[in-house]
Amino acid sequence: MRSRRCSSIADPPCIVLILISVLGVAFSAAGAFHSSVWFDESYSVALAAHPLPELIRLGAADVHPVLYYVLLHLLFLITGPSIVAMRLFSVAGAAANVLLGLSVIRKDYGNTAAGIFILLLTISPWAVAEAVDIRMYSWSSFFVGLSFVYCARICRRLASSMQGAADSDCQGALPPRSWWAVAFASALAAAYTHYFGAIAAFTQMILVLALAILYARKRADHPHARTPLKLFWRATALCVIGYLPWIVIAALQAHTVSGGYWIKLKLPDLFLEILAFPLSSRDALSVLRGDMGPAAQMACAAGFLLVFAGTAALATKAYASRRHIEVELLASPVFQGVFVLLGTAALSLIAGAILGQAILVTRYLTCALVPYSLALAVLFARYKNKVVWTLCGVGLLLVSGSAQLSALTSAYSPANTQPLAYYDKATSDGQGGRVPIVSGFDLFSDIQAAGPLSVHAPNVPIAYVDSWPAYRAFEPTITFGERREDVLRDYHGRFVYLSLRYSDKELQSIAEKLDARIIESRTFHLPYKHQTWAITTLDRP
């Protein structure tokens, strides 16, 4: 049963929702005001600086769709290469999810469900982590979420019509065409933002199709019985046509992934992280490992246990009171949200098996954050058990608070700037210029250091001795494809090599290949995203 809706913005329930929203967005945005970047973020920043035709060409060489990069480029034209502005753009995606809660969710499910929904989308660890990451996940979750809430509306309307009187006005009870337009247009946007957005959108469309088929069967005697099914296939056809320009590129990217990708399935850890979603962010797991000390570790562990205990009790109660009606089940937002999350995970595992390469990591499931958050919000709003609410509320605050403390401590640590100061000093030739800077003996490893440094110091050129087409986003600061024998041809003197952490033996091997000797090698451990960079100064006699 829905709680009372706000009749005006001055109503106490509306004021509480707005207060939760403002405080929640502020909590999420707390980690947005620093300039440190990790490799994925540096790629976003570098790619956004290119003209649109070149951006699309370079983005096509990577493994993601390009809508987010196009939007980020538009921001770049206004703000320039501002790291903070780009982080706030991700915060805007998270804030758009909050607006869904204040508008559609509040209208459809009531104030209580809307408040819980907004709380989950602003303080749960995975939501907070991706709200400030210069990546596409907050916007992908919004596009999937917008599609989902309108798919849910379509499903409820069809279910309600099927359960109505047999002689009721069939045409008048159908979902408006505008709902279909919003659901499928935002699904197309999700597919152009992230492939897991496409998978999540596809998963929720399965439910719409199932109810459209049931509607056609149960209302077979009515003249408009097949109208929802026709609308579904027409909208699907339009989405396919809209995605045609990218389908060939998507196939080529899938071929690239099948040839080898960085993701490895770590079982049973992956399943446990999915079970704990959206609490199981890297920051939360870091606290659980004890990286923030025993006090934070105990608080975080206690929080997980409280949330699991409360959710298990609530799920048991919901299961005991279930009704075996397939129409109600398919139209239930609780079932739909869980189905989208688990369906997205299952389909990605199947896709990985087909490609011969794993593609699922928990972070990608943030694309399905809105459907799952809505499922939890409606479930908790339906069963207002004070003990369960207290357990889960305290647990959520403990886990989210400790995870955010870890994230902010690492993001604003002075240790993140130490390698930048050293890099500036090590690459200076003492006369206002720069010594040669080399990287790339390990194609996919060294770029993890060279990429972020090229963003931090765009006027310091780096010669990369290998090449991968997508990495050319870092041009012109980094030049790619330099032959090893040519990179320092006829050069004698001091130069710098950039890498991740190498052993002394590996560094010595690189020095020998470059006919040089090592003067000094410094390894820096950056708290932000747990990065490790090595800056090695060498001399070529």
Protein backbone atom coordinates (compact mmCIF):
# COMPACT_ATOMS: atom_id res chain seq x y z
CA MET A 1 0.00 0.00 0.00
CA ARG A 2 1.38 3.40 -0.98
CA SER A 3 2.05 6.08 1.55
CA ARG A 4 0.39 9.45 1.12
CA ARG A 5 1.74 11.49 -1.77
CA CYS A 6 2.76 15.13 -1.51
CA SER A 7 0.01 17.46 -2.65
CA SER A 8 2.38 20.44 -2.65
CA ILE A 9 6.07 21.08 -2.22
CA ALA A 10 5.37 22.61 1.23
CA ASP A 11 3.92 19.36 2.58
CA PRO A 12 6.06 17.81 5.34
CA PRO A 13 6.62 14.56 3.34
CA CYS A 14 7.90 16.56 0.36
CA ILE A 15 10.18 18.63 2.55
CA VAL A 16 11.63 15.44 4.05
CA LEU A 17 12.19 13.95 0.58
CA ILE A 18 13.91 17.11 -0.63
CA LEU A 19 16.07 17.19 2.50
CA ILE A 20 17.08 13.53 1.98
CA SER A 21 17.87 14.32 -1.65
CA VAL A 22 20.02 17.37 -0.90
CA LEU A 23 21.95 15.67 1.90
CA GLY A 24 22.33 12.49 -0.16
CA VAL A 25 23.67 14.26 -3.24
CA ALA A 26 26.04 16.26 -1.01
CA PHE A 27 27.26 12.97 0.51
CA SER A 28 27.83 11.51 -2.96
CA ALA A 29 29.55 14.63 -4.28
CA ALA A 30 32.00 14.94 -1.37
CA GLY A 31 34.67 13.08 -3.33
CA ALA A 32 34.35 15.16 -6.49
CA PHE A 33 36.65 18.06 -5.64
CA HIS A 34 40.13 16.68 -6.29
CA SER A 35 42.24 16.36 -9.42
CA SER A 36 43.72 12.87 -9.05
CA VAL A 37 42.81 10.42 -11.82
CA TRP A 38 43.32 6.73 -12.45
CA PHE A 39 43.81 5.22 -15.88
CA ASP A 40 40.16 4.84 -16.92
CA GLU A 41 39.44 8.41 -15.89
CA SER A 42 42.52 9.69 -17.70
CA TYR A 43 41.25 7.96 -20.84
CA SER A 44 37.89 9.74 -20.52
CA VAL A 45 39.58 13.11 -20.04
CA ALA A 46 41.99 12.58 -22.95
CA LEU A 47 39.32 11.33 -25.35
CA ALA A 48 36.94 14.18 -24.56
CA ALA A 49 39.53 16.68 -25.80
CA HIS A 50 39.42 15.36 -29.40
CA PRO A 51 37.09 16.71 -32.11
CA LEU A 52 33.88 14.68 -32.42
CA PRO A 53 34.74 12.73 -35.61
CA GLU A 54 38.12 11.75 -34.18
CA LEU A 55 36.57 11.01 -30.78
CA ILE A 56 34.12 8.56 -32.34
CA ARG A 57 36.90 6.91 -34.38
CA LEU A 58 39.13 6.50 -31.33
CA GLY A 59 36.24 5.45 -29.10
CA ALA A 60 35.27 2.77 -31.61
CA ALA A 61 38.74 1.28 -31.19
CA ASP A 62 38.06 0.83 -27.47
CA VAL A 63 35.53 -1.58 -25.90
CA HIS A 64 32.69 0.79 -24.94
CA PRO A 65 30.02 2.78 -26.81
CA VAL A 66 30.69 6.51 -27.16
CA LEU A 67 27.61 8.48 -26.06
CA TYR A 68 29.15 9.33 -22.69
CA TYR A 69 32.35 10.55 -24.35
CA VAL A 70 30.33 12.70 -26.76
CA LEU A 71 28.50 14.30 -23.82
CA LEU A 72 31.79 14.77 -21.98
CA HIS A 73 33.23 16.44 -25.08
CA LEU A 74 30.39 18.96 -25.05
CA LEU A 75 31.25 19.73 -21.43
CA PHE A 76 34.93 20.02 -22.41
CA LEU A 77 34.04 22.71 -24.96
CA ILE A 78 32.58 24.77 -22.10
CA THR A 79 34.91 24.07 -19.17
CA GLY A 80 38.12 22.88 -20.82
CA PRO A 81 40.10 19.99 -19.27
CA SER A 82 38.74 20.56 -15.76
CA ILE A 83 38.90 17.35 -13.73
CA VAL A 84 36.45 18.69 -11.15
CA ALA A 85 33.94 19.76 -13.81
CA MET A 86 34.05 16.30 -15.33
CA ARG A 87 33.51 14.70 -11.93
CA LEU A 88 30.54 16.98 -11.33
CA PHE A 89 29.13 15.82 -14.67
CA SER A 90 29.04 12.31 -13.20
CA VAL A 91 27.41 13.73 -10.08
CA ALA A 92 24.77 15.23 -12.38
CA GLY A 93 23.97 11.71 -13.62
CA ALA A 94 23.52 10.58 -10.02
CA ALA A 95 21.36 13.64 -9.31
CA ALA A 96 19.20 12.73 -12.33
CA ASN A 97 18.49 9.40 -10.62
CA VAL A 98 17.41 11.32 -7.52
CA LEU A 99 15.02 13.36 -9.66
CA LEU A 100 13.48 10.06 -10.79
CA GLY A 101 12.81 9.36 -7.14
CA LEU A 102 11.25 12.77 -6.51
CA SER A 103 9.03 12.53 -9.58
CA VAL A 104 8.10 9.16 -11.10
CA ILE A 105 8.91 6.94 -8.10
CA ARG A 106 7.10 9.20 -5.63
CA LYS A 107 4.06 9.42 -7.89
CA ASP A 108 3.89 5.68 -8.62
CA TYR A 109 4.95 4.14 -5.30
CA GLY A 110 4.49 6.81 -2.64
CA ASN A 111 6.70 8.90 -0.38
CA THR A 112 8.14 6.08 1.71
CA ALA A 113 9.37 4.08 -1.27
CA ALA A 114 10.70 7.27 -2.88
CA GLY A 115 12.64 8.19 0.27
CA ILE A 116 14.25 4.75 0.57
CA PHE A 117 14.99 4.76 -3.17
CA ILE A 118 16.73 8.15 -2.97
CA LEU A 119 18.66 7.05 0.12
CA LEU A 120 19.98 3.94 -1.64
CA LEU A 121 20.98 5.91 -4.73
CA THR A 122 22.87 8.55 -2.78
CA ILE A 123 24.66 6.74 0.05
CA SER A 124 25.05 3.07 -0.94
CA PRO A 125 28.77 2.46 -1.63
CA TRP A 126 28.56 1.55 -5.33
CA ALA A 127 26.26 4.49 -6.07
CA VAL A 128 28.63 6.88 -4.31
CA ALA A 129 31.74 5.42 -5.98
CA GLU A 130 30.37 5.87 -9.50
CA ALA A 131 28.79 9.25 -8.77
CA VAL A 132 32.25 10.87 -8.80
CA ASP A 133 34.13 8.61 -11.22
CA ILE A 134 34.87 10.23 -14.58
CA ARG A 135 33.23 7.30 -16.34
CA MET A 136 29.85 6.53 -17.85
CA TYR A 137 28.25 4.55 -15.04
CA SER A 138 26.11 7.20 -13.35
CA TRP A 139 24.60 8.22 -16.69
CA SER A 140 24.17 4.64 -17.83
CA SER A 141 22.30 3.88 -14.61
CA PHE A 142 20.06 6.90 -15.25
CA PHE A 143 19.17 5.88 -18.81
CA VAL A 144 18.50 2.29 -17.69
CA GLY A 145 16.52 3.58 -14.73
CA LEU A 146 14.39 5.94 -16.80
CA SER A 147 13.61 3.10 -19.18
CA PHE A 148 12.87 0.76 -16.28
CA VAL A 149 10.36 2.95 -14.46
CA TYR A 150 8.39 3.45 -17.67
CA CYS A 151 8.60 -0.26 -18.49
CA ALA A 152 7.27 -0.88 -14.98
CA ARG A 153 4.41 1.53 -15.67
CA ILE A 154 3.58 -0.31 -18.89
CA CYS A 155 3.65 -3.66 -17.08
CA ARG A 156 1.40 -2.46 -14.25
CA ARG A 157 -1.10 -0.96 -16.66
CA LEU A 158 -1.26 -4.16 -18.71
CA ALA A 159 -1.58 -6.27 -15.57
CA SER A 160 -4.32 -4.02 -14.19
CA SER A 161 -6.22 -4.23 -17.47
CA MET A 162 -5.97 -8.03 -17.52
CA GLN A 163 -7.33 -8.23 -13.98
CA GLY A 164 -10.22 -5.87 -14.76
CA ALA A 165 -13.65 -6.75 -15.99
CA ALA A 166 -13.69 -8.74 -19.21
CA ASP A 167 -16.01 -6.25 -20.90
CA SER A 168 -14.07 -3.12 -19.83
CA ASP A 169 -12.80 -0.64 -22.39
CA CYS A 170 -9.65 -2.37 -23.61
CA GLN A 171 -8.31 0.56 -25.60
CA GLY A 172 -8.77 3.04 -22.76
CA ALA A 173 -6.88 0.81 -20.32
CA LEU A 174 -3.75 0.53 -22.48
CA PRO A 175 -0.49 2.31 -21.59
CA PRO A 176 -0.11 5.67 -23.36
CA ARG A 177 2.19 5.68 -26.37
CA SER A 178 4.35 8.28 -24.63
CA TRP A 179 5.33 5.63 -22.04
CA TRP A 180 6.52 3.33 -24.81
CA ALA A 181 8.48 6.18 -26.40
CA VAL A 182 10.28 7.11 -23.17
CA ALA A 183 10.98 3.47 -22.23
CA PHE A 184 12.52 2.54 -25.56
CA ALA A 185 14.28 5.84 -26.32
CA SER A 186 16.07 5.76 -22.95
CA ALA A 187 16.89 2.06 -23.50
CA LEU A 188 18.57 3.05 -26.76
CA ALA A 189 20.50 5.79 -24.94
CA ALA A 190 21.59 3.21 -22.34
CA ALA A 191 22.84 0.92 -25.11
CA TYR A 192 24.91 3.78 -26.57
CA THR A 193 26.40 4.51 -23.13
CA HIS A 194 27.56 1.08 -21.91
CA TYR A 195 27.04 -2.48 -23.11
CA PHE A 196 25.87 -3.50 -19.67
CA GLY A 197 23.29 -0.74 -20.04
CA ALA A 198 22.19 -2.50 -23.22
CA ILE A 199 22.03 -5.85 -21.41
CA ALA A 200 20.04 -4.40 -18.50
CA ALA A 201 17.61 -2.68 -20.90
CA PHE A 202 17.20 -5.92 -22.86
CA THR A 203 16.51 -7.82 -19.63
CA GLN A 204 13.71 -5.49 -18.56
CA MET A 205 12.19 -5.60 -22.05
CA ILE A 206 11.78 -9.38 -21.62
CA LEU A 207 9.23 -8.65 -18.89
CA VAL A 208 7.37 -6.15 -21.05
CA LEU A 209 7.22 -8.68 -23.88
CA ALA A 210 5.98 -11.42 -21.54
CA LEU A 211 3.12 -9.24 -20.28
CA ALA A 212 2.25 -8.06 -23.80
CA ILE A 213 1.96 -11.71 -24.88
CA LEU A 214 -0.16 -12.56 -21.83
CA TYR A 215 -2.36 -9.55 -22.53
CA ALA A 216 -2.92 -10.66 -26.14
CA ARG A 217 -3.91 -14.14 -24.96
CA LYS A 218 -6.16 -13.14 -22.07
CA ARG A 219 -7.86 -10.38 -24.07
CA ALA A 220 -8.05 -12.33 -27.31
CA ASP A 221 -11.75 -11.43 -27.83
CA HIS A 222 -11.09 -7.69 -27.74
CA PRO A 223 -10.25 -5.71 -30.90
CA HIS A 224 -7.16 -4.07 -29.33
CA ALA A 225 -5.79 -7.20 -27.65
CA ARG A 226 -2.66 -7.27 -29.80
CA THR A 227 -2.00 -3.52 -29.67
CA PRO A 228 0.64 -3.72 -26.86
CA LEU A 229 2.45 -6.51 -28.72
CA LYS A 230 2.44 -4.49 -31.95
CA LEU A 231 3.72 -1.41 -30.11
CA PHE A 232 6.47 -3.50 -28.52
CA TRP A 233 7.74 -4.84 -31.85
CA ARG A 234 7.50 -1.45 -33.56
CA ALA A 235 9.47 0.20 -30.75
CA THR A 236 12.00 -2.64 -30.82
CA ALA A 237 12.41 -2.22 -34.58
CA LEU A 238 13.01 1.51 -34.16
CA CYS A 239 15.63 0.80 -31.48
CA VAL A 240 17.40 -1.68 -33.74
CA ILE A 241 17.37 0.86 -36.59
CA GLY A 242 18.68 3.50 -34.20
CA TYR A 243 21.51 1.19 -33.15
CA LEU A 244 22.44 0.09 -36.68
CA PRO A 245 25.21 2.72 -37.05
CA TRP A 246 27.00 1.13 -34.09
CA ILE A 247 26.27 -2.58 -34.60
CA VAL A 248 29.27 -3.27 -36.85
CA ILE A 249 31.55 -1.43 -34.42
CA ALA A 250 30.04 -3.36 -31.49
CA ALA A 251 30.83 -6.62 -33.32
CA LEU A 252 34.42 -5.51 -33.90
CA GLN A 253 34.76 -4.53 -30.24
CA ALA A 254 33.39 -7.94 -29.21
CA HIS A 255 36.05 -9.54 -31.41
CA THR A 256 38.70 -7.44 -29.68
CA VAL A 257 37.47 -8.55 -26.25
CA SER A 258 37.38 -12.20 -27.31
CA GLY A 259 41.08 -11.92 -28.17
CA GLY A 260 41.91 -11.13 -24.54
CA TYR A 261 40.68 -8.73 -21.88
CA TRP A 262 41.76 -7.72 -18.39
CA ILE A 263 38.77 -9.24 -16.56
CA LYS A 264 39.21 -12.55 -14.76
CA LEU A 265 36.40 -14.43 -13.05
CA LYS A 266 37.18 -14.74 -9.35
CA LEU A 267 34.79 -17.25 -7.87
CA PRO A 268 33.15 -17.35 -5.38
CA ASP A 269 34.17 -13.74 -4.67
CA LEU A 270 32.16 -12.44 -7.64
CA PHE A 271 28.96 -14.15 -6.50
CA LEU A 272 29.40 -12.83 -2.96
CA GLU A 273 29.88 -9.30 -4.31
CA ILE A 274 26.71 -9.61 -6.39
CA LEU A 275 24.85 -10.90 -3.34
CA ALA A 276 26.04 -7.88 -1.36
CA PHE A 277 25.34 -5.36 -4.15
CA PRO A 278 25.15 -2.33 -3.92
CA LEU A 279 27.23 -2.39 -0.74
CA SER A 280 30.20 -4.30 -2.15
CA SER A 281 32.20 -1.42 -3.65
CA ARG A 282 35.98 -1.53 -3.74
CA ASP A 283 36.12 1.03 -0.94
CA ALA A 284 33.81 -1.03 1.28
CA LEU A 285 35.80 -4.21 0.60
CA SER A 286 39.02 -2.31 1.30
CA VAL A 287 37.66 -1.39 4.73
CA LEU A 288 36.62 -5.01 5.31
CA ARG A 289 40.21 -6.08 4.59
CA GLY A 290 41.38 -3.79 7.39
CA ASP A 291 42.97 -1.07 5.25
CA MET A 292 41.37 1.64 7.41
CA GLY A 293 42.26 -0.01 10.72
CA PRO A 294 40.50 -2.49 13.01
CA ALA A 295 37.83 -0.08 14.27
CA ALA A 296 36.56 0.76 10.78
CA GLN A 297 36.88 -2.91 9.80
CA MET A 298 34.68 -4.01 12.69
CA ALA A 299 32.12 -1.27 12.02
CA CYS A 300 31.91 -2.17 8.34
CA ALA A 301 31.64 -5.91 9.05
CA ALA A 302 28.91 -5.26 11.61
CA GLY A 303 27.09 -3.12 9.05
CA PHE A 304 27.15 -5.91 6.46
CA LEU A 305 25.83 -8.40 8.99
CA LEU A 306 23.01 -6.08 10.08
CA VAL A 307 21.92 -5.42 6.51
CA PHE A 308 22.00 -9.12 5.61
CA ALA A 309 20.05 -10.06 8.73
CA GLY A 310 17.39 -7.41 8.16
CA THR A 311 17.04 -8.08 4.43
CA ALA A 312 16.85 -11.86 4.98
CA ALA A 313 14.08 -11.40 7.57
CA LEU A 314 12.16 -9.13 5.20
CA ALA A 315 12.63 -11.45 2.22
CA THR A 316 11.36 -14.38 4.29
CA LYS A 317 8.26 -12.43 5.28
CA ALA A 318 7.65 -11.36 1.68
CA TYR A 319 8.02 -14.95 0.45
CA ALA A 320 5.58 -16.24 3.05
CA SER A 321 2.92 -13.75 1.93
CA ARG A 322 3.48 -14.25 -1.81
CA ARG A 323 0.59 -14.81 -4.22
CA HIS A 324 0.93 -17.32 -7.05
CA ILE A 325 -0.46 -15.08 -9.79
CA GLU A 326 1.85 -14.83 -12.81
CA VAL A 327 0.45 -11.48 -13.95
CA GLU A 328 0.99 -9.86 -10.53
CA LEU A 329 4.46 -11.38 -10.29
CA LEU A 330 5.59 -10.07 -13.69
CA ALA A 331 4.20 -6.62 -12.87
CA SER A 332 5.74 -6.47 -9.38
CA PRO A 333 8.57 -3.89 -9.16
CA VAL A 334 10.28 -6.08 -6.56
CA PHE A 335 10.41 -9.05 -8.91
CA GLN A 336 11.30 -6.83 -11.88
CA GLY A 337 14.22 -5.11 -10.15
CA VAL A 338 15.74 -8.35 -8.89
CA PHE A 339 15.16 -9.95 -12.30
CA VAL A 340 17.00 -7.11 -14.08
CA LEU A 341 20.02 -7.25 -11.75
CA LEU A 342 20.38 -11.04 -11.77
CA GLY A 343 19.38 -11.26 -15.43
CA THR A 344 22.07 -8.75 -16.37
CA ALA A 345 24.66 -10.74 -14.44
CA ALA A 346 23.50 -14.05 -15.97
CA LEU A 347 23.42 -12.74 -19.55
CA SER A 348 26.89 -11.24 -19.17
CA LEU A 349 28.21 -14.59 -17.95
CA ILE A 350 26.64 -16.26 -20.99
CA ALA A 351 28.09 -13.60 -23.30
CA GLY A 352 31.50 -14.11 -21.69
CA ALA A 353 31.25 -17.86 -22.30
CA ILE A 354 30.40 -17.22 -25.97
CA LEU A 355 33.30 -14.80 -26.35
CA GLY A 356 35.65 -17.10 -24.48
CA GLN A 357 36.53 -14.17 -22.22
CA ALA A 358 34.94 -13.04 -18.94
CA ILE A 359 33.28 -9.61 -19.12
CA LEU A 360 31.53 -9.36 -15.74
CA VAL A 361 32.80 -7.26 -12.87
CA THR A 362 30.58 -5.94 -10.10
CA ARG A 363 31.17 -2.31 -11.09
CA TYR A 364 29.41 -2.90 -14.41
CA LEU A 365 26.25 -3.90 -12.52
CA THR A 366 25.83 -0.28 -11.43
CA CYS A 367 24.10 0.06 -14.81
CA ALA A 368 21.24 -1.88 -13.16
CA LEU A 369 21.41 0.13 -9.92
CA VAL A 370 18.07 1.92 -10.33
CA PRO A 371 15.91 -1.20 -10.94
CA TYR A 372 17.44 -3.03 -7.99
CA SER A 373 17.22 0.01 -5.71
CA LEU A 374 13.57 0.41 -6.60
CA ALA A 375 12.94 -3.27 -5.84
CA LEU A 376 14.47 -2.87 -2.38
CA ALA A 377 12.67 0.43 -1.77
CA VAL A 378 9.24 -1.00 -2.60
CA LEU A 379 9.94 -4.13 -0.55
CA PHE A 380 10.90 -2.14 2.54
CA ALA A 381 8.03 0.31 2.09
CA ARG A 382 5.57 -2.57 1.83
CA TYR A 383 6.69 -4.25 5.06
CA LYS A 384 7.19 -1.52 7.65
CA ASN A 385 8.85 -3.58 10.33
CA LYS A 386 10.63 -1.32 12.82
CA VAL A 387 13.20 -3.95 13.82
CA VAL A 388 14.11 -4.70 10.22
CA TRP A 389 14.25 -1.02 9.31
CA THR A 390 16.52 -0.33 12.29
CA LEU A 391 18.86 -3.22 11.47
CA CYS A 392 19.18 -2.28 7.81
CA GLY A 393 19.31 1.46 8.43
CA VAL A 394 22.11 1.22 10.98
CA GLY A 395 23.92 -1.35 8.85
CA LEU A 396 23.69 0.80 5.72
CA LEU A 397 25.03 3.84 7.58
CA LEU A 398 27.96 1.82 8.99
CA VAL A 399 28.95 0.33 5.64
CA SER A 400 28.39 3.51 3.62
CA GLY A 401 30.04 5.74 6.19
CA SER A 402 33.16 3.60 6.47
CA ALA A 403 33.37 3.16 2.67
CA GLN A 404 33.03 6.91 2.10
CA LEU A 405 35.63 7.62 4.78
CA SER A 406 38.01 5.29 2.95
CA ALA A 407 37.23 6.89 -0.41
CA LEU A 408 37.70 10.45 0.83
CA THR A 409 40.88 9.61 2.71
CA SER A 410 42.44 8.12 -0.40
CA ALA A 411 41.11 10.77 -2.81
CA TYR A 412 42.37 13.76 -0.80
CA SER A 413 45.62 12.20 0.43
CA PRO A 414 48.73 14.40 -0.12
CA ALA A 415 50.51 11.23 -1.28
CA ASN A 416 48.62 11.51 -4.60
CA THR A 417 50.55 14.65 -5.53
CA GLN A 418 54.03 13.40 -4.60
CA PRO A 419 54.71 11.58 -7.89
CA LEU A 420 53.58 14.64 -9.85
CA ALA A 421 56.10 16.88 -8.12
CA TYR A 422 58.83 14.27 -8.59
CA TYR A 423 57.84 13.74 -12.25
CA ASP A 424 58.17 17.46 -12.93
CA LYS A 425 61.60 17.53 -11.31
CA ALA A 426 62.88 14.29 -12.86
CA THR A 427 61.89 15.26 -16.42
CA SER A 428 63.34 18.78 -16.28
CA ASP A 429 66.60 19.30 -18.18
CA GLY A 430 67.50 22.27 -15.96
CA GLN A 431 67.20 24.72 -18.84
CA GLY A 432 63.43 25.10 -19.13
CA GLY A 433 63.01 22.03 -21.33
CA ARG A 434 62.36 18.32 -20.82
CA VAL A 435 64.51 15.25 -21.12
CA PRO A 436 63.11 12.42 -23.29
CA ILE A 437 60.40 10.32 -21.60
CA VAL A 438 59.88 6.74 -22.70
CA SER A 439 57.28 4.10 -21.85
CA GLY A 440 55.43 1.15 -23.35
CA PHE A 441 57.69 -1.92 -23.21
CA ASP A 442 54.67 -3.53 -21.56
CA LEU A 443 51.79 -2.30 -23.74
CA PHE A 444 48.85 -2.73 -21.35
CA SER A 445 50.72 -2.18 -18.10
CA ASP A 446 52.86 0.92 -18.62
CA ILE A 447 49.92 2.94 -19.95
CA GLN A 448 48.41 2.73 -16.45
CA ALA A 449 51.09 5.21 -15.36
CA ALA A 450 51.76 7.04 -18.63
CA GLY A 451 48.08 7.80 -19.28
CA PRO A 452 47.31 9.62 -16.01
CA LEU A 453 50.67 11.45 -16.09
CA SER A 454 49.95 12.65 -19.64
CA VAL A 455 46.69 14.18 -18.36
CA HIS A 456 48.36 15.79 -15.35
CA ALA A 457 51.23 17.16 -17.47
CA PRO A 458 49.86 17.57 -21.03
CA ASN A 459 52.85 19.62 -22.16
CA VAL A 460 55.39 16.92 -21.30
CA PRO A 461 55.73 14.60 -24.36
CA ILE A 462 56.02 10.83 -23.88
CA ALA A 463 57.30 8.35 -26.49
CA TYR A 464 55.45 5.02 -26.26
CA VAL A 465 57.30 2.13 -27.89
CA ASP A 466 54.18 0.09 -28.63
CA SER A 467 50.66 0.91 -29.77
CA TRP A 468 47.01 0.00 -29.40
CA PRO A 469 44.53 2.03 -31.51
CA ALA A 470 42.34 3.16 -28.59
CA TYR A 471 45.35 4.52 -26.71
CA ARG A 472 45.81 7.16 -29.38
CA ALA A 473 43.25 9.13 -27.38
CA PHE A 474 46.28 10.28 -25.37
CA GLU A 475 47.83 11.97 -28.40
CA PRO A 476 49.43 14.41 -28.88
CA THR A 477 51.04 14.22 -25.43
CA ILE A 478 51.90 10.55 -26.00
CA THR A 479 53.20 9.44 -29.38
CA PHE A 480 52.68 5.75 -30.13
CA GLY A 481 54.34 3.10 -32.23
CA GLU A 482 57.89 4.29 -31.78
CA ARG A 483 60.37 1.57 -32.71
CA ARG A 484 62.58 0.59 -29.81
CA GLU A 485 65.71 1.16 -31.81
CA ASP A 486 64.52 4.60 -32.94
CA VAL A 487 63.04 6.04 -29.77
CA LEU A 488 66.42 7.31 -28.50
CA ARG A 489 68.42 7.16 -31.74
CA ASP A 490 71.55 9.29 -31.52
CA TYR A 491 70.49 10.56 -28.10
CA HIS A 492 72.98 10.47 -25.25
CA GLY A 493 72.24 11.65 -21.75
CA ARG A 494 69.57 11.45 -19.10
CA PHE A 495 66.01 10.28 -19.80
CA VAL A 496 63.01 8.93 -17.86
CA TYR A 497 61.05 5.68 -18.15
CA LEU A 498 57.44 5.40 -16.88
CA SER A 499 55.88 2.15 -15.75
CA LEU A 500 53.95 0.36 -13.11
CA ARG A 501 56.00 -1.25 -10.41
CA TYR A 502 58.77 -3.39 -11.87
CA SER A 503 61.31 -5.60 -10.14
CA ASP A 504 64.97 -4.56 -10.25
CA LYS A 505 65.59 -7.36 -12.74
CA GLU A 506 62.81 -6.14 -15.06
CA LEU A 507 64.06 -2.56 -14.90
CA GLN A 508 67.60 -3.70 -15.65
CA SER A 509 66.30 -5.61 -18.69
CA ILE A 510 64.62 -2.44 -20.01
CA ALA A 511 67.79 -0.44 -19.41
CA GLU A 512 69.80 -2.96 -21.42
CA LYS A 513 67.34 -2.81 -24.31
CA LEU A 514 67.75 0.97 -24.38
CA ASP A 515 71.58 0.78 -24.00
CA ALA A 516 71.32 2.73 -20.76
CA ARG A 517 72.13 2.46 -17.09
CA ILE A 518 69.77 3.17 -14.18
CA ILE A 519 70.50 6.28 -12.13
CA GLU A 520 67.50 6.21 -9.84
CA SER A 521 64.12 4.50 -9.68
CA ARG A 522 61.29 5.73 -7.46
CA THR A 523 58.08 3.80 -6.87
CA PHE A 524 55.04 5.75 -5.70
CA HIS A 525 51.96 4.24 -4.09
CA LEU A 526 49.01 6.51 -4.76
CA PRO A 527 46.14 5.97 -2.29
CA TYR A 528 43.58 7.04 -4.91
CA LYS A 529 42.35 3.82 -6.57
CA HIS A 530 45.40 2.02 -5.12
CA GLN A 531 47.71 2.94 -7.99
CA THR A 532 51.44 2.24 -8.18
CA TRP A 533 53.69 4.19 -10.53
CA ALA A 534 57.43 3.80 -11.10
CA ILE A 535 59.47 6.71 -12.42
CA THR A 536 62.95 5.60 -13.41
CA THR A 537 65.77 7.94 -14.40
CA LEU A 538 68.37 6.44 -16.74
CA ASP A 539 71.47 7.62 -18.54
CA ARG A 540 72.53 6.73 -22.06
CA PRO A 541 76.28 7.12 -22.51
